[in-house]
Amino acid sequence: MLTKGNYLKTTLIAMSLSAIVSSFTSISFAANEAQFTKTLQSEHRSEKDKERDVGRKPQQVMQFFGIEPGMTVLEVLSSGGYYTEVLSHRVGKKGKVIAQNNKFILEVMDGRFGKEFNERTTDNRLANVTHYKKEFGEFDLKNEVDVVTVVLNYHDLYSSVPKETRMKVLSQLKSALKSGGTLGLIDMESGVGEHNAKLHRIHHQRVRDELVEAGFSLDAEASFLQNKNDDYSKMVFDPAVRGKTDRFVFKFKKSST
């Protein structure tokens, strides 16, 4: 029979064990973050990438999207691979990065992005990265991805791809995610309701509405990439604002329906 004294003793033991587990978890998290900070500053990363870090804040992005060692991440439109390399270090040897690019990205500007990506991954330099060469609407991953990232390119998808195809892409991203998986999205704010394709900007509400329509639920949004000094009048590649645009950061969850 469980007496009052035994009950209290059992409860105290459970609480102590919980505190110990919580303590170890906090220590492990801090150690992982410290190691990742060190990796970002490593001599093995290019100085150009380190300069980009100032405006892109990759460690905060990884934390906000909940990307941890051992995860599988699908990166939509990896381009030259800046974030591919960040993700590769973040998920570690036990994790996997599926870096998607399409024919246009790999061939545009005399193959600039394709060459950069190949240089990053040559000689198995990022051993946990798979180059997933697929056109939009051709994704074939099923329930195997923890996190999907769509960084600084949904506006182009919105500009150049019909809505029917966009919704198909989003459906395929949803299918790729495991139950409860995350879709992390960053893009450049237009500041007005109208979509501004020429400036490579998009209004945050348009993106949010489409993702919800596609079966994702908004889990959280962050302000650490906002820039209230951006007046939204310049193209994002203008030297005056490049790397300093006002950006919205969303974290969506795969809905159960």
Protein backbone atom coordinates (compact mmCIF):
# COMPACT_ATOMS: atom_id res chain seq x y z
CA MET A 1 0.00 0.00 0.00
CA LEU A 2 1.25 3.46 -0.87
CA THR A 3 1.38 5.45 2.34
CA LYS A 4 1.40 9.21 2.54
CA GLY A 5 5.07 9.13 3.48
CA ASN A 6 5.98 6.84 0.60
CA TYR A 7 3.96 9.00 -1.76
CA LEU A 8 5.83 12.12 -0.69
CA LYS A 9 9.14 10.28 -0.97
CA THR A 10 8.29 9.04 -4.47
CA THR A 11 7.19 12.51 -5.52
CA LEU A 12 10.41 14.09 -4.25
CA ILE A 13 12.51 11.48 -6.08
CA ALA A 14 10.58 12.11 -9.30
CA MET A 15 11.04 15.85 -8.93
CA SER A 16 14.76 15.40 -8.30
CA LEU A 17 15.17 13.18 -11.35
CA SER A 18 13.24 15.69 -13.44
CA ALA A 19 15.52 18.49 -12.24
CA ILE A 20 18.61 16.40 -13.04
CA VAL A 21 17.33 15.62 -16.55
CA SER A 22 16.46 19.28 -17.08
CA SER A 23 19.92 20.31 -15.90
CA PHE A 24 21.67 17.86 -18.23
CA THR A 25 19.45 19.03 -21.12
CA SER A 26 20.39 22.67 -20.45
CA ILE A 27 24.08 21.80 -20.25
CA SER A 28 23.87 19.78 -23.48
CA PHE A 29 22.06 22.63 -25.27
CA ALA A 30 24.63 25.19 -24.10
CA ALA A 31 27.49 22.91 -25.19
CA ASN A 32 25.93 22.39 -28.63
CA GLU A 33 25.43 26.13 -29.09
CA ALA A 34 28.98 26.91 -27.99
CA GLN A 35 30.36 24.35 -30.42
CA PHE A 36 28.21 25.71 -33.24
CA THR A 37 29.39 29.27 -32.52
CA LYS A 38 32.96 28.00 -32.74
CA THR A 39 32.22 26.21 -36.01
CA LEU A 40 30.77 29.36 -37.58
CA GLN A 41 34.05 31.15 -36.82
CA SER A 42 36.18 28.27 -38.06
CA GLU A 43 38.99 28.89 -40.53
CA HIS A 44 37.32 26.31 -42.75
CA ARG A 45 34.47 28.72 -43.51
CA SER A 46 35.13 31.48 -46.00
CA GLU A 47 35.56 35.09 -44.92
CA LYS A 48 32.79 36.00 -47.35
CA ASP A 49 30.36 33.72 -45.53
CA LYS A 50 31.41 35.12 -42.17
CA GLU A 51 30.69 38.61 -43.45
CA ARG A 52 27.22 37.46 -44.50
CA ASP A 53 26.64 36.11 -41.01
CA VAL A 54 26.40 39.65 -39.63
CA GLY A 55 23.20 40.37 -41.55
CA ARG A 56 21.81 36.83 -41.72
CA LYS A 57 22.33 35.79 -38.07
CA PRO A 58 22.49 32.07 -38.86
CA GLN A 59 22.76 30.87 -35.26
CA GLN A 60 19.55 32.66 -34.28
CA VAL A 61 17.88 31.29 -37.40
CA MET A 62 18.86 27.72 -36.51
CA GLN A 63 17.65 28.17 -32.94
CA PHE A 64 14.34 29.71 -33.99
CA PHE A 65 13.60 26.99 -36.56
CA GLY A 66 14.50 24.35 -33.95
CA ILE A 67 17.20 22.72 -36.07
CA GLU A 68 19.29 20.37 -33.95
CA PRO A 69 22.04 17.76 -34.40
CA GLY A 70 20.83 14.55 -36.02
CA MET A 71 17.93 16.12 -37.91
CA THR A 72 17.13 15.82 -41.61
CA VAL A 73 16.57 19.20 -43.28
CA LEU A 74 15.24 19.93 -46.78
CA GLU A 75 16.60 23.24 -48.03
CA VAL A 76 14.48 24.70 -50.85
CA LEU A 77 16.60 26.53 -53.45
CA SER A 78 20.04 26.23 -51.96
CA SER A 79 21.60 28.39 -54.71
CA GLY A 80 25.34 28.67 -54.00
CA GLY A 81 25.03 26.93 -50.66
CA TYR A 82 25.63 29.53 -47.94
CA TYR A 83 22.87 28.05 -45.80
CA THR A 84 23.65 24.53 -47.01
CA GLU A 85 27.00 24.76 -45.24
CA VAL A 86 25.45 26.29 -42.12
CA LEU A 87 22.85 23.52 -42.02
CA SER A 88 25.49 20.86 -42.61
CA HIS A 89 27.41 21.97 -39.53
CA ARG A 90 24.23 22.38 -37.52
CA VAL A 91 22.83 18.84 -38.03
CA GLY A 92 26.26 17.23 -37.75
CA LYS A 93 27.49 13.81 -38.78
CA LYS A 94 24.30 12.05 -37.72
CA GLY A 95 22.09 14.53 -39.58
CA LYS A 96 21.34 15.06 -43.25
CA VAL A 97 20.83 18.08 -45.51
CA ILE A 98 18.83 17.65 -48.71
CA ALA A 99 19.83 20.71 -50.73
CA GLN A 100 17.38 21.38 -53.58
CA ASN A 101 18.24 23.35 -56.69
CA ASN A 102 16.52 23.52 -60.07
CA LYS A 103 17.96 23.83 -63.57
CA PHE A 104 17.47 27.60 -63.73
CA ILE A 105 19.39 28.31 -60.53
CA LEU A 106 22.24 26.02 -61.55
CA GLU A 107 22.60 27.59 -65.00
CA VAL A 108 21.73 31.27 -64.53
CA MET A 109 24.57 33.84 -64.73
CA ASP A 110 26.87 31.37 -66.48
CA GLY A 111 26.29 28.77 -63.80
CA ARG A 112 27.51 30.98 -60.96
CA PHE A 113 25.45 29.33 -58.23
CA GLY A 114 26.06 25.82 -59.53
CA LYS A 115 29.82 26.41 -59.53
CA GLU A 116 29.72 27.85 -56.02
CA PHE A 117 27.68 24.91 -54.73
CA ASN A 118 30.04 22.39 -56.35
CA GLU A 119 33.05 24.16 -54.85
CA ARG A 120 31.52 23.96 -51.38
CA THR A 121 30.82 20.25 -51.64
CA THR A 122 33.83 19.06 -53.65
CA ASP A 123 35.88 16.15 -52.27
CA ASN A 124 33.00 15.23 -49.95
CA ARG A 125 33.69 18.40 -47.93
CA LEU A 126 30.11 18.46 -46.60
CA ALA A 127 29.60 14.73 -46.32
CA ASN A 128 26.04 14.92 -44.95
CA VAL A 129 24.74 16.98 -47.90
CA THR A 130 22.82 15.50 -50.81
CA HIS A 131 22.28 17.71 -53.87
CA TYR A 132 18.59 17.27 -54.69
CA LYS A 133 18.25 18.47 -58.29
CA LYS A 134 14.50 18.77 -58.76
CA GLU A 135 12.16 21.17 -60.50
CA PHE A 136 9.30 22.70 -58.54
CA GLY A 137 6.42 20.28 -58.36
CA GLU A 138 8.69 17.22 -58.72
CA PHE A 139 9.62 16.71 -55.06
CA ASP A 140 9.21 13.07 -54.03
CA LEU A 141 10.12 12.94 -50.33
CA LYS A 142 7.63 11.31 -47.96
CA ASN A 143 7.55 11.76 -44.18
CA GLU A 144 11.34 11.86 -43.85
CA VAL A 145 12.20 15.50 -43.12
CA ASP A 146 12.25 17.22 -39.72
CA VAL A 147 12.54 20.78 -41.04
CA VAL A 148 12.04 22.45 -44.42
CA THR A 149 13.74 25.81 -44.95
CA VAL A 150 12.65 28.38 -47.55
CA VAL A 151 15.04 31.30 -47.17
CA LEU A 152 14.96 34.51 -49.25
CA ASN A 153 13.31 32.93 -52.27
CA TYR A 154 9.58 32.50 -51.76
CA HIS A 155 9.12 35.89 -53.42
CA ASP A 156 10.64 34.51 -56.65
CA LEU A 157 8.41 31.46 -56.48
CA TYR A 158 5.46 33.84 -56.06
CA SER A 159 6.59 35.96 -59.01
CA SER A 160 7.41 33.27 -61.54
CA VAL A 161 5.28 30.23 -60.72
CA PRO A 162 1.47 30.03 -61.11
CA LYS A 163 -0.47 29.63 -57.87
CA GLU A 164 -1.62 26.15 -58.84
CA THR A 165 2.01 25.04 -59.07
CA ARG A 166 2.96 26.85 -55.85
CA MET A 167 0.23 25.03 -53.98
CA LYS A 168 1.47 21.75 -55.44
CA VAL A 169 4.99 22.57 -54.23
CA LEU A 170 3.70 23.41 -50.76
CA SER A 171 1.70 20.19 -50.71
CA GLN A 172 4.85 18.25 -51.56
CA LEU A 173 6.79 20.05 -48.83
CA LYS A 174 4.06 19.12 -46.38
CA SER A 175 4.28 15.49 -47.52
CA ALA A 176 8.06 15.53 -47.08
CA LEU A 177 7.75 16.56 -43.43
CA LYS A 178 7.36 14.11 -40.60
CA SER A 179 4.35 14.49 -38.35
CA GLY A 180 4.70 17.76 -36.42
CA GLY A 181 7.52 18.90 -38.70
CA THR A 182 8.55 22.52 -39.17
CA LEU A 183 8.71 24.79 -42.22
CA GLY A 184 10.96 27.78 -41.58
CA LEU A 185 10.64 30.74 -43.94
CA ILE A 186 12.50 34.04 -44.29
CA ASP A 187 11.85 36.66 -46.94
CA MET A 188 12.20 40.35 -47.69
CA GLU A 189 9.35 42.64 -46.75
CA SER A 190 7.72 44.85 -49.37
CA GLY A 191 6.05 47.09 -46.80
CA VAL A 192 2.86 47.30 -48.85
CA GLY A 193 0.07 44.90 -49.72
CA GLU A 194 1.03 44.74 -53.38
CA HIS A 195 3.62 42.20 -54.44
CA ASN A 196 6.72 43.95 -55.81
CA ALA A 197 8.40 41.47 -58.15
CA LYS A 198 10.87 43.99 -59.61
CA LEU A 199 12.29 44.77 -56.19
CA HIS A 200 12.35 41.07 -55.16
CA ARG A 201 10.16 41.80 -52.17
CA ILE A 202 6.86 40.41 -50.93
CA HIS A 203 4.35 41.35 -48.26
CA HIS A 204 4.46 39.03 -45.27
CA GLN A 205 0.69 38.56 -45.17
CA ARG A 206 0.61 37.09 -48.68
CA VAL A 207 3.14 34.46 -47.68
CA ARG A 208 1.39 33.69 -44.42
CA ASP A 209 -2.00 33.32 -46.12
CA GLU A 210 -0.66 30.92 -48.77
CA LEU A 211 1.09 28.70 -46.25
CA VAL A 212 -2.04 28.48 -44.12
CA GLU A 213 -4.12 27.73 -47.22
CA ALA A 214 -1.67 24.92 -48.05
CA GLY A 215 -2.22 23.24 -44.69
CA PHE A 216 0.44 24.75 -42.46
CA SER A 217 -0.23 26.52 -39.19
CA LEU A 218 1.81 29.53 -38.07
CA ASP A 219 3.67 28.48 -34.93
CA ALA A 220 5.79 31.58 -34.28
CA GLU A 221 7.35 34.65 -35.87
CA ALA A 222 10.55 36.47 -35.00
CA SER A 223 11.77 40.04 -35.27
CA PHE A 224 15.56 39.61 -35.14
CA LEU A 225 15.94 40.25 -38.91
CA GLN A 226 13.69 43.29 -39.00
CA ASN A 227 15.09 46.65 -40.09
CA LYS A 228 12.76 49.57 -39.53
CA ASN A 229 15.14 51.85 -41.46
CA ASP A 230 14.37 50.02 -44.70
CA ASP A 231 11.92 52.20 -46.65
CA TYR A 232 11.12 49.35 -49.13
CA SER A 233 11.90 51.53 -52.16
CA LYS A 234 15.11 49.81 -53.29
CA MET A 235 15.72 46.50 -54.99
CA VAL A 236 17.21 44.05 -52.50
CA PHE A 237 20.45 43.81 -54.53
CA ASP A 238 21.06 47.57 -54.28
CA PRO A 239 24.36 48.02 -52.39
CA ALA A 240 22.63 50.48 -50.05
CA VAL A 241 20.33 47.78 -48.64
CA ARG A 242 21.82 44.43 -49.64
CA GLY A 243 22.07 42.24 -46.57
CA LYS A 244 20.21 44.87 -44.53
CA THR A 245 16.64 44.62 -45.83
CA ASP A 246 13.68 44.32 -43.51
CA ARG A 247 12.95 40.57 -43.35
CA PHE A 248 10.15 38.56 -41.78
CA VAL A 249 10.85 35.20 -40.14
CA PHE A 250 8.07 32.61 -39.82
CA LYS A 251 7.95 29.15 -38.31
CA PHE A 252 5.09 26.99 -39.54
CA LYS A 253 4.03 23.54 -38.40
CA LYS A 254 2.64 20.76 -40.52
CA SER A 255 -1.07 20.65 -39.73
CA SER A 256 -2.57 17.29 -38.83
CA THR A 257 -5.42 17.71 -41.28
